[in-house]
């Protein structure tokens, strides 16, 4: 999951970086300033994606640790395995196109109106 989060962030920030560089280039900024900006943005993207990966891994470790405290009857090995499996399943679900789209909903339906007459 951490790798996917970092990859998504890198991709999104990469698009922002390219769009910003296009706009700066269109504004006729000096070439050396544009090159410095490109290097700066690449460093920011690299640093942020590394941090996102680390934070995600840290969050998963915290979840594993707290599950052991919340469910003392389950072994640490079992709770760790559950978290790892949930992460794998989440990663597999992330690969589906349109994962956030609402399925089986008729978009042409009208808003709800009460059948009671209005007074």
N, C-alpha and C. Protein backbone atom coordinates (compact mmCIF):
# COMPACT_ATOMS: atom_id res chain seq x y z
N UNK A 1 0.83 -1.18 0.00
CA UNK A 1 0.00 0.00 0.00
C UNK A 1 0.87 1.25 0.00
N UNK A 2 1.94 1.24 0.78
CA UNK A 2 2.82 2.39 0.85
C UNK A 2 3.43 2.73 -0.50
N UNK A 3 3.78 1.68 -1.24
CA UNK A 3 4.36 1.90 -2.56
C UNK A 3 3.32 2.49 -3.49
N UNK A 4 2.08 2.00 -3.42
CA UNK A 4 1.01 2.51 -4.28
C UNK A 4 0.68 3.96 -3.93
N UNK A 5 0.63 4.26 -2.65
CA UNK A 5 0.35 5.63 -2.24
C UNK A 5 1.44 6.55 -2.76
N UNK A 6 2.68 6.13 -2.59
CA UNK A 6 3.80 6.95 -3.06
C UNK A 6 3.77 7.09 -4.58
N UNK A 7 3.43 6.01 -5.29
CA UNK A 7 3.38 6.07 -6.76
C UNK A 7 2.27 7.01 -7.22
N UNK A 8 1.11 6.93 -6.57
CA UNK A 8 0.00 7.83 -6.93
C UNK A 8 0.38 9.28 -6.66
N UNK A 9 1.00 9.51 -5.53
CA UNK A 9 1.42 10.86 -5.17
C UNK A 9 2.47 11.37 -6.16
N UNK A 10 3.43 10.51 -6.50
CA UNK A 10 4.47 10.90 -7.45
C UNK A 10 3.86 11.24 -8.80
N UNK A 11 2.90 10.42 -9.24
CA UNK A 11 2.25 10.66 -10.53
C UNK A 11 1.48 11.99 -10.50
N UNK A 12 0.71 12.21 -9.44
CA UNK A 12 -0.08 13.44 -9.35
C UNK A 12 0.80 14.68 -9.23
N UNK A 13 1.82 14.60 -8.41
CA UNK A 13 2.73 15.74 -8.28
C UNK A 13 3.53 15.94 -9.55
N UNK A 14 3.82 14.86 -10.25
CA UNK A 14 4.52 14.97 -11.53
C UNK A 14 3.70 15.75 -12.54
N UNK A 15 2.41 15.51 -12.55
CA UNK A 15 1.52 16.25 -13.46
C UNK A 15 1.49 17.72 -13.06
N UNK A 16 1.39 17.99 -11.77
CA UNK A 16 1.40 19.38 -11.29
C UNK A 16 2.71 20.05 -11.70
N UNK A 17 3.82 19.34 -11.51
CA UNK A 17 5.13 19.88 -11.86
C UNK A 17 5.18 20.24 -13.34
N UNK A 18 4.74 19.34 -14.20
CA UNK A 18 4.78 19.59 -15.65
C UNK A 18 3.88 20.77 -16.04
N UNK A 19 2.69 20.82 -15.46
CA UNK A 19 1.77 21.93 -15.77
C UNK A 19 2.36 23.26 -15.31
N UNK A 20 2.95 23.27 -14.13
CA UNK A 20 3.56 24.49 -13.62
C UNK A 20 4.72 24.93 -14.50
N UNK A 21 5.55 23.97 -14.92
CA UNK A 21 6.67 24.32 -15.79
C UNK A 21 6.19 24.85 -17.13
N UNK A 22 5.08 24.30 -17.64
CA UNK A 22 4.49 24.81 -18.89
C UNK A 22 4.06 26.27 -18.71
N UNK A 23 3.40 26.54 -17.60
CA UNK A 23 2.91 27.90 -17.35
C UNK A 23 4.07 28.88 -17.17
N UNK A 24 5.11 28.45 -16.46
CA UNK A 24 6.28 29.32 -16.27
C UNK A 24 6.99 29.56 -17.59
N UNK A 25 7.06 28.52 -18.41
CA UNK A 25 7.71 28.65 -19.71
C UNK A 25 6.93 29.62 -20.59
N UNK A 26 5.60 29.55 -20.52
CA UNK A 26 4.76 30.46 -21.30
C UNK A 26 4.87 31.90 -20.80
N UNK A 27 5.28 32.05 -19.54
CA UNK A 27 5.42 33.39 -18.97
C UNK A 27 6.79 33.99 -19.29
N UNK A 28 7.56 33.27 -20.09
CA UNK A 28 8.87 33.74 -20.53
C UNK A 28 9.83 34.05 -19.38
N UNK A 29 9.88 33.14 -18.39
CA UNK A 29 10.86 33.31 -17.32
C UNK A 29 12.23 32.90 -17.86
N UNK A 30 13.30 33.40 -17.28
CA UNK A 30 14.64 33.05 -17.76
C UNK A 30 14.88 31.53 -17.70
N UNK A 31 15.62 31.04 -18.66
CA UNK A 31 15.88 29.60 -18.79
C UNK A 31 16.55 29.02 -17.56
N UNK A 32 17.52 29.74 -16.97
CA UNK A 32 18.20 29.21 -15.80
C UNK A 32 17.26 29.13 -14.59
N UNK A 33 16.36 30.10 -14.46
CA UNK A 33 15.37 30.07 -13.38
C UNK A 33 14.40 28.92 -13.59
N UNK A 34 14.02 28.66 -14.83
CA UNK A 34 13.13 27.55 -15.14
C UNK A 34 13.81 26.22 -14.82
N UNK A 35 15.10 26.10 -15.15
CA UNK A 35 15.84 24.88 -14.86
C UNK A 35 15.99 24.68 -13.35
N UNK A 36 16.27 25.76 -12.62
CA UNK A 36 16.36 25.67 -11.16
C UNK A 36 15.02 25.24 -10.55
N UNK A 37 13.95 25.78 -11.09
CA UNK A 37 12.62 25.41 -10.61
C UNK A 37 12.34 23.94 -10.88
N UNK A 38 12.72 23.46 -12.06
CA UNK A 38 12.52 22.05 -12.40
C UNK A 38 13.24 21.15 -11.39
N UNK A 39 14.49 21.48 -11.09
CA UNK A 39 15.26 20.68 -10.13
C UNK A 39 14.64 20.75 -8.74
N UNK A 40 14.20 21.94 -8.35
CA UNK A 40 13.55 22.10 -7.05
C UNK A 40 12.29 21.24 -6.96
N UNK A 41 11.45 21.30 -7.99
CA UNK A 41 10.20 20.53 -7.98
C UNK A 41 10.48 19.03 -7.97
N UNK A 42 11.48 18.59 -8.70
CA UNK A 42 11.82 17.17 -8.71
C UNK A 42 12.27 16.71 -7.32
N UNK A 43 13.01 17.57 -6.63
CA UNK A 43 13.44 17.25 -5.26
C UNK A 43 12.25 17.17 -4.33
N UNK A 44 11.32 18.11 -4.46
CA UNK A 44 10.13 18.10 -3.62
C UNK A 44 9.32 16.83 -3.86
N UNK A 45 9.12 16.47 -5.11
CA UNK A 45 8.35 15.26 -5.44
C UNK A 45 9.04 14.04 -4.83
N UNK A 46 10.34 13.94 -4.98
CA UNK A 46 11.09 12.80 -4.44
C UNK A 46 10.95 12.73 -2.92
N UNK A 47 11.14 13.86 -2.25
CA UNK A 47 11.05 13.90 -0.79
C UNK A 47 9.65 13.55 -0.28
N UNK A 48 8.65 14.10 -0.92
CA UNK A 48 7.27 13.88 -0.48
C UNK A 48 6.85 12.43 -0.71
N UNK A 49 7.21 11.85 -1.84
CA UNK A 49 6.82 10.46 -2.10
C UNK A 49 7.54 9.51 -1.15
N UNK A 50 8.79 9.82 -0.83
CA UNK A 50 9.50 9.00 0.16
C UNK A 50 8.84 9.09 1.52
N UNK A 51 8.45 10.28 1.91
CA UNK A 51 7.77 10.47 3.19
C UNK A 51 6.42 9.76 3.21
N UNK A 52 5.69 9.82 2.11
CA UNK A 52 4.37 9.15 2.04
C UNK A 52 4.53 7.65 2.22
N UNK A 53 5.52 7.08 1.58
CA UNK A 53 5.77 5.64 1.71
C UNK A 53 6.09 5.30 3.16
N UNK A 54 6.97 6.09 3.77
CA UNK A 54 7.35 5.84 5.16
C UNK A 54 6.18 5.99 6.12
N UNK A 55 5.36 7.03 5.91
CA UNK A 55 4.20 7.25 6.78
C UNK A 55 3.18 6.12 6.65
N UNK A 56 3.00 5.63 5.45
CA UNK A 56 2.06 4.53 5.26
C UNK A 56 2.53 3.28 5.97
N UNK A 57 3.81 2.97 5.84
CA UNK A 57 4.37 1.79 6.52
C UNK A 57 4.29 1.96 8.04
N UNK A 58 4.55 3.18 8.52
CA UNK A 58 4.45 3.45 9.95
C UNK A 58 3.01 3.26 10.44
N UNK A 59 2.05 3.72 9.65
CA UNK A 59 0.64 3.56 10.03
C UNK A 59 0.26 2.08 10.11
N UNK A 60 0.72 1.30 9.16
CA UNK A 60 0.42 -0.14 9.19
C UNK A 60 1.05 -0.82 10.40
N UNK A 61 2.26 -0.42 10.75
CA UNK A 61 2.91 -0.97 11.93
C UNK A 61 2.14 -0.61 13.20
N UNK A 62 1.67 0.64 13.28
CA UNK A 62 0.87 1.07 14.44
C UNK A 62 -0.42 0.26 14.53
N UNK A 63 -1.04 0.01 13.39
CA UNK A 63 -2.28 -0.79 13.39
C UNK A 63 -1.99 -2.18 13.91
N UNK A 64 -0.91 -2.79 13.42
CA UNK A 64 -0.56 -4.14 13.88
C UNK A 64 -0.33 -4.15 15.39
N UNK A 65 0.39 -3.17 15.89
CA UNK A 65 0.71 -3.09 17.31
C UNK A 65 -0.55 -2.92 18.15
N UNK A 66 -1.43 -2.04 17.73
CA UNK A 66 -2.64 -1.77 18.51
C UNK A 66 -3.65 -2.90 18.43
N UNK A 67 -3.67 -3.64 17.34
CA UNK A 67 -4.58 -4.78 17.27
C UNK A 67 -4.22 -5.82 18.31
N UNK A 68 -2.93 -5.99 18.57
CA UNK A 68 -2.49 -6.92 19.60
C UNK A 68 -3.01 -6.47 20.96
N UNK A 69 -2.99 -5.16 21.21
CA UNK A 69 -3.50 -4.63 22.48
C UNK A 69 -5.01 -4.73 22.57
N UNK A 70 -5.70 -4.49 21.45
CA UNK A 70 -7.16 -4.52 21.45
C UNK A 70 -7.72 -5.93 21.52
N UNK A 71 -6.99 -6.87 20.94
CA UNK A 71 -7.45 -8.26 20.89
C UNK A 71 -6.37 -9.18 21.46
N UNK A 72 -6.22 -9.18 22.78
CA UNK A 72 -5.15 -9.98 23.38
C UNK A 72 -5.32 -11.48 23.14
N UNK A 73 -6.53 -11.91 22.82
CA UNK A 73 -6.74 -13.34 22.57
C UNK A 73 -6.17 -13.78 21.21
N UNK A 74 -5.89 -12.83 20.34
CA UNK A 74 -5.29 -13.15 19.04
C UNK A 74 -3.77 -12.98 19.13
N UNK A 75 -3.07 -13.88 18.49
CA UNK A 75 -1.61 -13.80 18.54
C UNK A 75 -1.11 -12.63 17.70
N UNK A 76 0.03 -12.08 18.06
CA UNK A 76 0.62 -11.00 17.24
C UNK A 76 0.87 -11.45 15.80
N UNK A 77 1.23 -12.70 15.63
CA UNK A 77 1.47 -13.22 14.28
C UNK A 77 0.18 -13.20 13.47
N UNK A 78 -0.93 -13.58 14.09
CA UNK A 78 -2.22 -13.61 13.39
C UNK A 78 -2.69 -12.20 13.04
N UNK A 79 -2.60 -11.28 13.99
CA UNK A 79 -3.06 -9.92 13.69
C UNK A 79 -2.17 -9.28 12.62
N UNK A 80 -0.89 -9.55 12.67
CA UNK A 80 0.02 -9.02 11.65
C UNK A 80 -0.34 -9.58 10.28
N UNK A 81 -0.64 -10.88 10.25
CA UNK A 81 -1.03 -11.51 8.98
C UNK A 81 -2.33 -10.90 8.46
N UNK A 82 -3.28 -10.63 9.35
CA UNK A 82 -4.56 -10.03 8.95
C UNK A 82 -4.34 -8.66 8.31
N UNK A 83 -3.47 -7.85 8.92
CA UNK A 83 -3.18 -6.52 8.38
C UNK A 83 -2.50 -6.65 7.02
N UNK A 84 -1.54 -7.56 6.92
CA UNK A 84 -0.84 -7.77 5.65
C UNK A 84 -1.80 -8.21 4.55
N UNK A 85 -2.73 -9.11 4.89
CA UNK A 85 -3.71 -9.57 3.90
C UNK A 85 -4.65 -8.44 3.50
N UNK A 86 -5.08 -7.65 4.48
CA UNK A 86 -5.96 -6.51 4.17
C UNK A 86 -5.25 -5.51 3.26
N UNK A 87 -3.97 -5.29 3.52
CA UNK A 87 -3.19 -4.39 2.67
C UNK A 87 -3.09 -4.94 1.25
N UNK A 88 -2.83 -6.23 1.13
CA UNK A 88 -2.74 -6.86 -0.19
C UNK A 88 -4.07 -6.76 -0.93
N UNK A 89 -5.17 -7.04 -0.22
CA UNK A 89 -6.49 -6.93 -0.85
C UNK A 89 -6.78 -5.51 -1.28
N UNK A 90 -6.40 -4.53 -0.45
CA UNK A 90 -6.61 -3.13 -0.81
C UNK A 90 -5.80 -2.77 -2.04
N UNK A 91 -4.58 -3.26 -2.13
CA UNK A 91 -3.74 -3.00 -3.30
C UNK A 91 -4.35 -3.62 -4.55
N UNK A 92 -4.89 -4.82 -4.42
CA UNK A 92 -5.52 -5.47 -5.57
C UNK A 92 -6.76 -4.73 -6.01
N UNK A 93 -7.53 -4.20 -5.06
CA UNK A 93 -8.72 -3.43 -5.39
C UNK A 93 -8.38 -2.10 -6.03
N UNK A 94 -7.23 -1.54 -5.67
CA UNK A 94 -6.80 -0.26 -6.25
C UNK A 94 -6.56 -0.37 -7.74
N UNK A 95 -6.29 -1.58 -8.24
CA UNK A 95 -5.98 -1.75 -9.64
C UNK A 95 -7.21 -1.78 -10.54
N UNK A 96 -8.38 -1.91 -9.93
CA UNK A 96 -9.60 -1.93 -10.74
C UNK A 96 -9.91 -0.54 -11.25
N UNK A 97 -10.28 -0.44 -12.52
CA UNK A 97 -10.66 0.89 -13.03
C UNK A 97 -11.99 1.31 -12.44
N UNK A 98 -12.12 2.59 -12.16
CA UNK A 98 -13.40 3.13 -11.67
C UNK A 98 -13.78 2.61 -10.31
N UNK A 99 -12.81 2.39 -9.44
CA UNK A 99 -13.10 1.79 -8.14
C UNK A 99 -14.01 2.65 -7.28
N UNK A 100 -14.03 3.94 -7.51
CA UNK A 100 -14.84 4.82 -6.69
C UNK A 100 -16.19 5.14 -7.32
N UNK A 101 -16.44 4.61 -8.50
CA UNK A 101 -17.72 4.88 -9.15
C UNK A 101 -18.82 4.10 -8.46
N UNK A 102 -19.98 4.69 -8.41
CA UNK A 102 -21.12 4.00 -7.83
C UNK A 102 -21.72 3.10 -8.91
N UNK A 103 -21.84 1.84 -8.60
CA UNK A 103 -22.35 0.87 -9.56
C UNK A 103 -23.85 0.64 -9.35
N UNK A 104 -24.50 0.21 -10.41
CA UNK A 104 -25.90 -0.19 -10.38
C UNK A 104 -26.84 0.90 -9.88
N UNK A 105 -26.52 2.14 -10.17
CA UNK A 105 -27.41 3.24 -9.79
C UNK A 105 -27.87 3.90 -11.06
N UNK A 106 -29.18 4.00 -11.21
CA UNK A 106 -29.74 4.63 -12.40
C UNK A 106 -29.56 6.14 -12.26
N UNK A 107 -28.73 6.72 -13.11
CA UNK A 107 -28.43 8.14 -13.04
C UNK A 107 -29.60 9.00 -13.50
N UNK A 108 -30.58 8.41 -14.15
CA UNK A 108 -31.69 9.21 -14.67
C UNK A 108 -32.84 9.34 -13.68
N UNK A 109 -32.72 8.75 -12.50
CA UNK A 109 -33.82 8.83 -11.55
C UNK A 109 -33.99 10.24 -11.04
N UNK A 110 -35.22 10.56 -10.74
CA UNK A 110 -35.54 11.89 -10.23
C UNK A 110 -35.37 11.90 -8.72
N UNK A 111 -35.17 13.06 -8.13
CA UNK A 111 -35.06 13.14 -6.67
C UNK A 111 -36.34 12.64 -6.02
N UNK A 112 -36.22 12.16 -4.81
CA UNK A 112 -37.36 11.63 -4.08
C UNK A 112 -38.40 12.72 -3.84
N UNK A 113 -39.64 12.38 -4.12
CA UNK A 113 -40.75 13.27 -3.79
C UNK A 113 -41.78 12.47 -3.03
N UNK A 114 -42.34 13.06 -2.04
CA UNK A 114 -43.32 12.39 -1.20
C UNK A 114 -44.64 12.25 -1.96
N UNK A 115 -45.31 11.13 -1.72
CA UNK A 115 -46.61 10.92 -2.35
C UNK A 115 -47.73 11.65 -1.62
N UNK A 116 -47.42 12.18 -0.45
CA UNK A 116 -48.42 12.93 0.32
C UNK A 116 -48.64 14.27 -0.34
N UNK A 117 -49.87 14.73 -0.31
CA UNK A 117 -50.17 16.03 -0.90
C UNK A 117 -49.61 17.13 0.00
N UNK A 118 -49.24 18.21 -0.63
CA UNK A 118 -48.69 19.33 0.13
C UNK A 118 -49.84 20.21 0.62
N UNK A 119 -49.75 20.66 1.84
CA UNK A 119 -50.81 21.48 2.43
C UNK A 119 -50.60 22.93 2.20
